[in-house]
Amino acid sequence: GEDSRSFHVSIQGTPPSMASAGDIPIITAVAGGQLLLECPEGAEPQPDIEWRREGSVLQEDARRQVLAQGRFLQLRAVAAADGGEYSCGDTGDTGDTGPRGRVRVHG
């Protein structure tokens, strides 16, 4: 599915449902599935993109991988703990003003 505001979502298995709370899209994911979030491209290439969850820089691990120089965030085996507000933006930008999306996990 696609939300033109800021995030594109791809889940293997049951399709996501999307709503919005104000300007923040809400993405509903199914526990155990896969989720792919996309940081929209700006006018110029931005090689130093970082992802944040609830305002803290997201660290990669076996289930969370940043792909294509930060353009995508892939979550595997989605769990309830993966829920929350995600944002992307320039490395070191403490304002956290980049595109945001709220992930809710069900199942």
N, C-alpha and C. Protein backbone atom coordinates (compact mmCIF):
# COMPACT_ATOMS: atom_id res chain seq x y z
N GLY A 1 0.81 -1.17 0.00
CA GLY A 1 0.00 0.00 0.00
C GLY A 1 0.86 1.24 0.00
N GLU A 2 0.25 2.38 -0.17
CA GLU A 2 1.01 3.62 -0.25
C GLU A 2 0.27 4.75 0.43
N ASP A 3 0.98 5.54 1.20
CA ASP A 3 0.43 6.75 1.80
C ASP A 3 1.23 7.91 1.25
N SER A 4 0.62 8.76 0.50
CA SER A 4 1.33 9.81 -0.21
C SER A 4 1.94 10.86 0.71
N ARG A 5 1.59 10.86 1.97
CA ARG A 5 2.16 11.86 2.87
C ARG A 5 3.64 11.64 3.10
N SER A 6 4.04 10.39 3.47
CA SER A 6 5.45 10.23 3.75
C SER A 6 5.98 8.82 3.73
N PHE A 7 5.17 7.82 3.90
CA PHE A 7 5.69 6.47 4.00
C PHE A 7 5.01 5.53 3.03
N HIS A 8 5.79 4.57 2.50
CA HIS A 8 5.26 3.48 1.70
C HIS A 8 5.45 2.22 2.53
N VAL A 9 4.49 1.33 2.53
CA VAL A 9 4.55 0.16 3.39
C VAL A 9 4.37 -1.10 2.57
N SER A 10 5.17 -2.10 2.88
CA SER A 10 5.03 -3.41 2.24
C SER A 10 5.09 -4.47 3.32
N ILE A 11 4.05 -5.28 3.44
CA ILE A 11 4.02 -6.34 4.44
C ILE A 11 3.77 -7.65 3.73
N GLN A 12 4.57 -8.66 4.08
CA GLN A 12 4.33 -9.98 3.53
C GLN A 12 3.22 -10.62 4.34
N GLY A 13 2.24 -11.16 3.67
CA GLY A 13 1.11 -11.77 4.37
C GLY A 13 -0.09 -10.86 4.26
N THR A 14 -0.74 -10.60 5.38
CA THR A 14 -1.94 -9.78 5.40
C THR A 14 -1.61 -8.33 5.07
N PRO A 15 -2.32 -7.70 4.13
CA PRO A 15 -2.04 -6.30 3.80
C PRO A 15 -2.26 -5.39 5.00
N PRO A 16 -1.50 -4.29 5.08
CA PRO A 16 -1.67 -3.38 6.21
C PRO A 16 -2.93 -2.55 6.06
N SER A 17 -3.40 -2.02 7.17
CA SER A 17 -4.46 -1.04 7.08
C SER A 17 -3.85 0.29 7.48
N MET A 18 -4.34 1.36 6.87
CA MET A 18 -3.74 2.66 7.15
C MET A 18 -4.83 3.66 7.49
N ALA A 19 -4.53 4.52 8.43
CA ALA A 19 -5.39 5.62 8.80
C ALA A 19 -4.46 6.79 9.08
N SER A 20 -4.96 7.84 9.65
CA SER A 20 -4.06 8.92 10.04
C SER A 20 -4.59 9.59 11.29
N ALA A 21 -3.64 10.12 12.07
CA ALA A 21 -3.98 10.89 13.25
C ALA A 21 -3.37 12.27 13.01
N GLY A 22 -4.18 13.21 12.57
CA GLY A 22 -3.64 14.50 12.18
C GLY A 22 -2.82 14.32 10.91
N ASP A 23 -1.57 14.73 10.96
CA ASP A 23 -0.70 14.61 9.80
C ASP A 23 0.17 13.37 9.86
N ILE A 24 0.01 12.53 10.87
CA ILE A 24 0.87 11.35 11.02
C ILE A 24 0.12 10.11 10.55
N PRO A 25 0.60 9.45 9.48
CA PRO A 25 -0.07 8.22 9.04
C PRO A 25 0.09 7.12 10.08
N ILE A 26 -0.96 6.32 10.23
CA ILE A 26 -0.93 5.17 11.13
C ILE A 26 -0.89 3.92 10.28
N ILE A 27 0.12 3.09 10.51
CA ILE A 27 0.32 1.87 9.74
C ILE A 27 0.09 0.69 10.68
N THR A 28 -0.87 -0.15 10.35
CA THR A 28 -1.15 -1.32 11.17
C THR A 28 -0.46 -2.53 10.57
N ALA A 29 0.43 -3.13 11.34
CA ALA A 29 1.19 -4.29 10.89
C ALA A 29 0.73 -5.53 11.65
N VAL A 30 0.95 -6.69 11.05
CA VAL A 30 0.58 -7.96 11.67
C VAL A 30 1.82 -8.57 12.32
N ALA A 31 1.69 -8.96 13.59
CA ALA A 31 2.81 -9.58 14.30
C ALA A 31 3.33 -10.78 13.52
N GLY A 32 4.66 -10.88 13.44
CA GLY A 32 5.29 -11.99 12.73
C GLY A 32 5.54 -11.70 11.27
N GLY A 33 4.95 -10.63 10.73
CA GLY A 33 5.13 -10.28 9.32
C GLY A 33 6.37 -9.42 9.11
N GLN A 34 6.48 -8.89 7.91
CA GLN A 34 7.60 -8.02 7.54
C GLN A 34 7.04 -6.65 7.17
N LEU A 35 7.76 -5.60 7.54
CA LEU A 35 7.32 -4.23 7.29
C LEU A 35 8.46 -3.47 6.63
N LEU A 36 8.16 -2.70 5.59
CA LEU A 36 9.16 -1.89 4.90
C LEU A 36 8.68 -0.45 4.89
N LEU A 37 9.42 0.42 5.57
CA LEU A 37 9.09 1.85 5.61
C LEU A 37 10.04 2.58 4.67
N GLU A 38 9.54 3.58 3.97
CA GLU A 38 10.36 4.34 3.03
C GLU A 38 10.44 5.80 3.45
N CYS A 39 11.66 6.34 3.45
CA CYS A 39 11.87 7.75 3.71
C CYS A 39 11.78 8.46 2.36
N PRO A 40 10.87 9.40 2.19
CA PRO A 40 10.70 10.04 0.89
C PRO A 40 11.97 10.74 0.43
N GLU A 41 12.18 10.74 -0.87
CA GLU A 41 13.35 11.42 -1.43
C GLU A 41 13.14 12.92 -1.41
N GLY A 42 14.20 13.64 -1.08
CA GLY A 42 14.16 15.10 -1.16
C GLY A 42 14.59 15.53 -2.55
N ALA A 43 14.77 16.81 -2.73
CA ALA A 43 15.16 17.35 -4.03
C ALA A 43 16.59 16.94 -4.39
N GLU A 44 17.42 16.71 -3.38
CA GLU A 44 18.81 16.33 -3.62
C GLU A 44 19.07 15.00 -2.93
N PRO A 45 20.05 14.23 -3.43
CA PRO A 45 20.40 12.97 -2.74
C PRO A 45 20.86 13.26 -1.31
N GLN A 46 20.42 12.44 -0.38
CA GLN A 46 20.79 12.62 1.02
C GLN A 46 21.38 11.31 1.54
N PRO A 47 22.70 11.14 1.42
CA PRO A 47 23.29 9.87 1.81
C PRO A 47 23.35 9.63 3.31
N ASP A 48 23.16 10.67 4.12
CA ASP A 48 23.28 10.52 5.57
C ASP A 48 21.92 10.57 6.25
N ILE A 49 21.08 9.60 5.93
CA ILE A 49 19.75 9.53 6.53
C ILE A 49 19.78 8.55 7.69
N GLU A 50 19.15 8.91 8.79
CA GLU A 50 19.03 7.99 9.91
C GLU A 50 17.56 7.85 10.28
N TRP A 51 17.24 6.71 10.85
CA TRP A 51 15.88 6.41 11.29
C TRP A 51 15.81 6.52 12.80
N ARG A 52 14.67 7.00 13.28
CA ARG A 52 14.43 7.12 14.73
C ARG A 52 13.11 6.44 15.07
N ARG A 53 13.05 5.91 16.26
CA ARG A 53 11.81 5.36 16.81
C ARG A 53 11.58 6.04 18.14
N GLU A 54 10.44 6.67 18.29
CA GLU A 54 10.10 7.43 19.50
C GLU A 54 11.20 8.45 19.84
N GLY A 55 11.80 9.06 18.80
CA GLY A 55 12.79 10.11 18.99
C GLY A 55 14.22 9.65 19.18
N SER A 56 14.45 8.35 19.36
CA SER A 56 15.80 7.82 19.57
C SER A 56 16.31 7.16 18.30
N VAL A 57 17.61 7.36 18.01
CA VAL A 57 18.20 6.76 16.82
C VAL A 57 18.04 5.25 16.88
N LEU A 58 17.55 4.68 15.79
CA LEU A 58 17.29 3.24 15.72
C LEU A 58 18.57 2.50 15.35
N GLN A 59 18.92 1.52 16.14
CA GLN A 59 20.11 0.71 15.87
C GLN A 59 19.71 -0.52 15.07
N GLU A 60 20.53 -0.85 14.08
CA GLU A 60 20.26 -2.04 13.27
C GLU A 60 20.59 -3.30 14.07
N ASP A 61 19.83 -4.36 13.80
CA ASP A 61 20.12 -5.67 14.37
C ASP A 61 19.62 -6.73 13.39
N ALA A 62 19.48 -7.96 13.83
CA ALA A 62 19.07 -9.04 12.93
C ALA A 62 17.66 -8.82 12.36
N ARG A 63 16.81 -8.10 13.08
CA ARG A 63 15.43 -7.89 12.63
C ARG A 63 15.21 -6.52 11.99
N ARG A 64 16.07 -5.56 12.28
CA ARG A 64 15.91 -4.19 11.77
C ARG A 64 17.10 -3.82 10.91
N GLN A 65 16.84 -3.55 9.63
CA GLN A 65 17.92 -3.21 8.72
C GLN A 65 17.58 -1.95 7.93
N VAL A 66 18.57 -1.07 7.81
CA VAL A 66 18.44 0.12 6.99
C VAL A 66 19.01 -0.22 5.62
N LEU A 67 18.24 0.04 4.57
CA LEU A 67 18.61 -0.33 3.21
C LEU A 67 18.73 0.91 2.33
N ALA A 68 19.47 0.77 1.22
CA ALA A 68 19.59 1.82 0.19
C ALA A 68 20.02 3.17 0.79
N GLN A 69 21.09 3.16 1.56
CA GLN A 69 21.66 4.38 2.17
C GLN A 69 20.64 5.13 3.02
N GLY A 70 19.79 4.39 3.71
CA GLY A 70 18.84 5.00 4.63
C GLY A 70 17.46 5.24 4.05
N ARG A 71 17.29 4.99 2.77
CA ARG A 71 15.98 5.25 2.14
C ARG A 71 14.89 4.35 2.71
N PHE A 72 15.23 3.11 3.07
CA PHE A 72 14.24 2.16 3.57
C PHE A 72 14.64 1.63 4.94
N LEU A 73 13.64 1.32 5.75
CA LEU A 73 13.84 0.60 7.01
C LEU A 73 13.01 -0.67 6.92
N GLN A 74 13.68 -1.81 7.05
CA GLN A 74 13.00 -3.11 6.97
C GLN A 74 12.94 -3.72 8.37
N LEU A 75 11.73 -4.10 8.77
CA LEU A 75 11.52 -4.78 10.05
C LEU A 75 11.07 -6.20 9.74
N ARG A 76 11.79 -7.18 10.25
CA ARG A 76 11.42 -8.59 10.06
C ARG A 76 10.82 -9.12 11.34
N ALA A 77 9.95 -10.11 11.20
CA ALA A 77 9.30 -10.74 12.36
C ALA A 77 8.79 -9.65 13.31
N VAL A 78 7.92 -8.80 12.77
CA VAL A 78 7.38 -7.67 13.52
C VAL A 78 6.79 -8.14 14.85
N ALA A 79 7.12 -7.43 15.92
CA ALA A 79 6.63 -7.76 17.26
C ALA A 79 5.95 -6.53 17.86
N ALA A 80 5.20 -6.73 18.92
CA ALA A 80 4.50 -5.62 19.58
C ALA A 80 5.46 -4.51 19.97
N ALA A 81 6.68 -4.88 20.37
CA ALA A 81 7.68 -3.89 20.78
C ALA A 81 8.12 -2.98 19.64
N ASP A 82 7.81 -3.35 18.38
CA ASP A 82 8.18 -2.52 17.23
C ASP A 82 7.20 -1.37 17.00
N GLY A 83 6.08 -1.38 17.71
CA GLY A 83 5.11 -0.31 17.56
C GLY A 83 5.67 1.02 18.03
N GLY A 84 5.13 2.11 17.52
CA GLY A 84 5.55 3.43 17.94
C GLY A 84 5.72 4.36 16.76
N GLU A 85 6.21 5.55 17.03
CA GLU A 85 6.37 6.56 15.99
C GLU A 85 7.77 6.48 15.39
N TYR A 86 7.83 6.38 14.07
CA TYR A 86 9.08 6.31 13.34
C TYR A 86 9.25 7.59 12.53
N SER A 87 10.50 8.04 12.41
CA SER A 87 10.80 9.20 11.57
C SER A 87 12.15 8.98 10.91
N CYS A 88 12.40 9.73 9.85
CA CYS A 88 13.69 9.66 9.17
C CYS A 88 14.13 11.08 8.87
N GLY A 89 15.45 11.26 8.79
CA GLY A 89 15.97 12.59 8.49
C GLY A 89 17.48 12.57 8.44
N ASP A 90 18.06 13.74 8.28
CA ASP A 90 19.52 13.86 8.19
C ASP A 90 20.18 13.43 9.48
N THR A 91 21.32 12.76 9.37
CA THR A 91 22.10 12.35 10.53
C THR A 91 22.44 13.59 11.36
N GLY A 92 22.23 13.49 12.66
CA GLY A 92 22.57 14.59 13.56
C GLY A 92 21.51 15.65 13.69
N ASP A 93 20.41 15.54 12.96
CA ASP A 93 19.32 16.51 13.07
C ASP A 93 18.53 16.19 14.33
N THR A 94 18.72 16.98 15.36
CA THR A 94 18.05 16.69 16.63
C THR A 94 16.63 17.23 16.69
N GLY A 95 16.22 17.98 15.67
CA GLY A 95 14.87 18.53 15.67
C GLY A 95 13.79 17.50 15.41
N ASP A 96 14.14 16.35 14.86
CA ASP A 96 13.19 15.28 14.57
C ASP A 96 11.98 15.82 13.81
N THR A 97 12.26 16.60 12.75
CA THR A 97 11.19 17.22 11.98
C THR A 97 10.91 16.49 10.68
N GLY A 98 11.57 15.36 10.45
CA GLY A 98 11.40 14.63 9.20
C GLY A 98 10.04 13.94 9.12
N PRO A 99 9.79 13.29 7.99
CA PRO A 99 8.53 12.55 7.82
C PRO A 99 8.35 11.52 8.94
N ARG A 100 7.11 11.37 9.39
CA ARG A 100 6.83 10.47 10.51
C ARG A 100 5.70 9.52 10.15
N GLY A 101 5.69 8.39 10.82
CA GLY A 101 4.61 7.43 10.70
C GLY A 101 4.49 6.66 12.00
N ARG A 102 3.27 6.32 12.39
CA ARG A 102 3.06 5.55 13.62
C ARG A 102 2.70 4.13 13.25
N VAL A 103 3.47 3.18 13.78
CA VAL A 103 3.25 1.76 13.52
C VAL A 103 2.51 1.15 14.71
N ARG A 104 1.42 0.45 14.39
CA ARG A 104 0.68 -0.31 15.41
C ARG A 104 0.74 -1.77 15.00
N VAL A 105 1.05 -2.64 15.95
CA VAL A 105 1.19 -4.07 15.67
C VAL A 105 0.03 -4.82 16.29
N HIS A 106 -0.61 -5.68 15.48
CA HIS A 106 -1.73 -6.50 15.94
C HIS A 106 -1.45 -7.96 15.64
N GLY A 107 -2.01 -8.84 16.46
CA GLY A 107 -1.92 -10.26 16.17
C GLY A 107 -1.07 -11.03 17.10
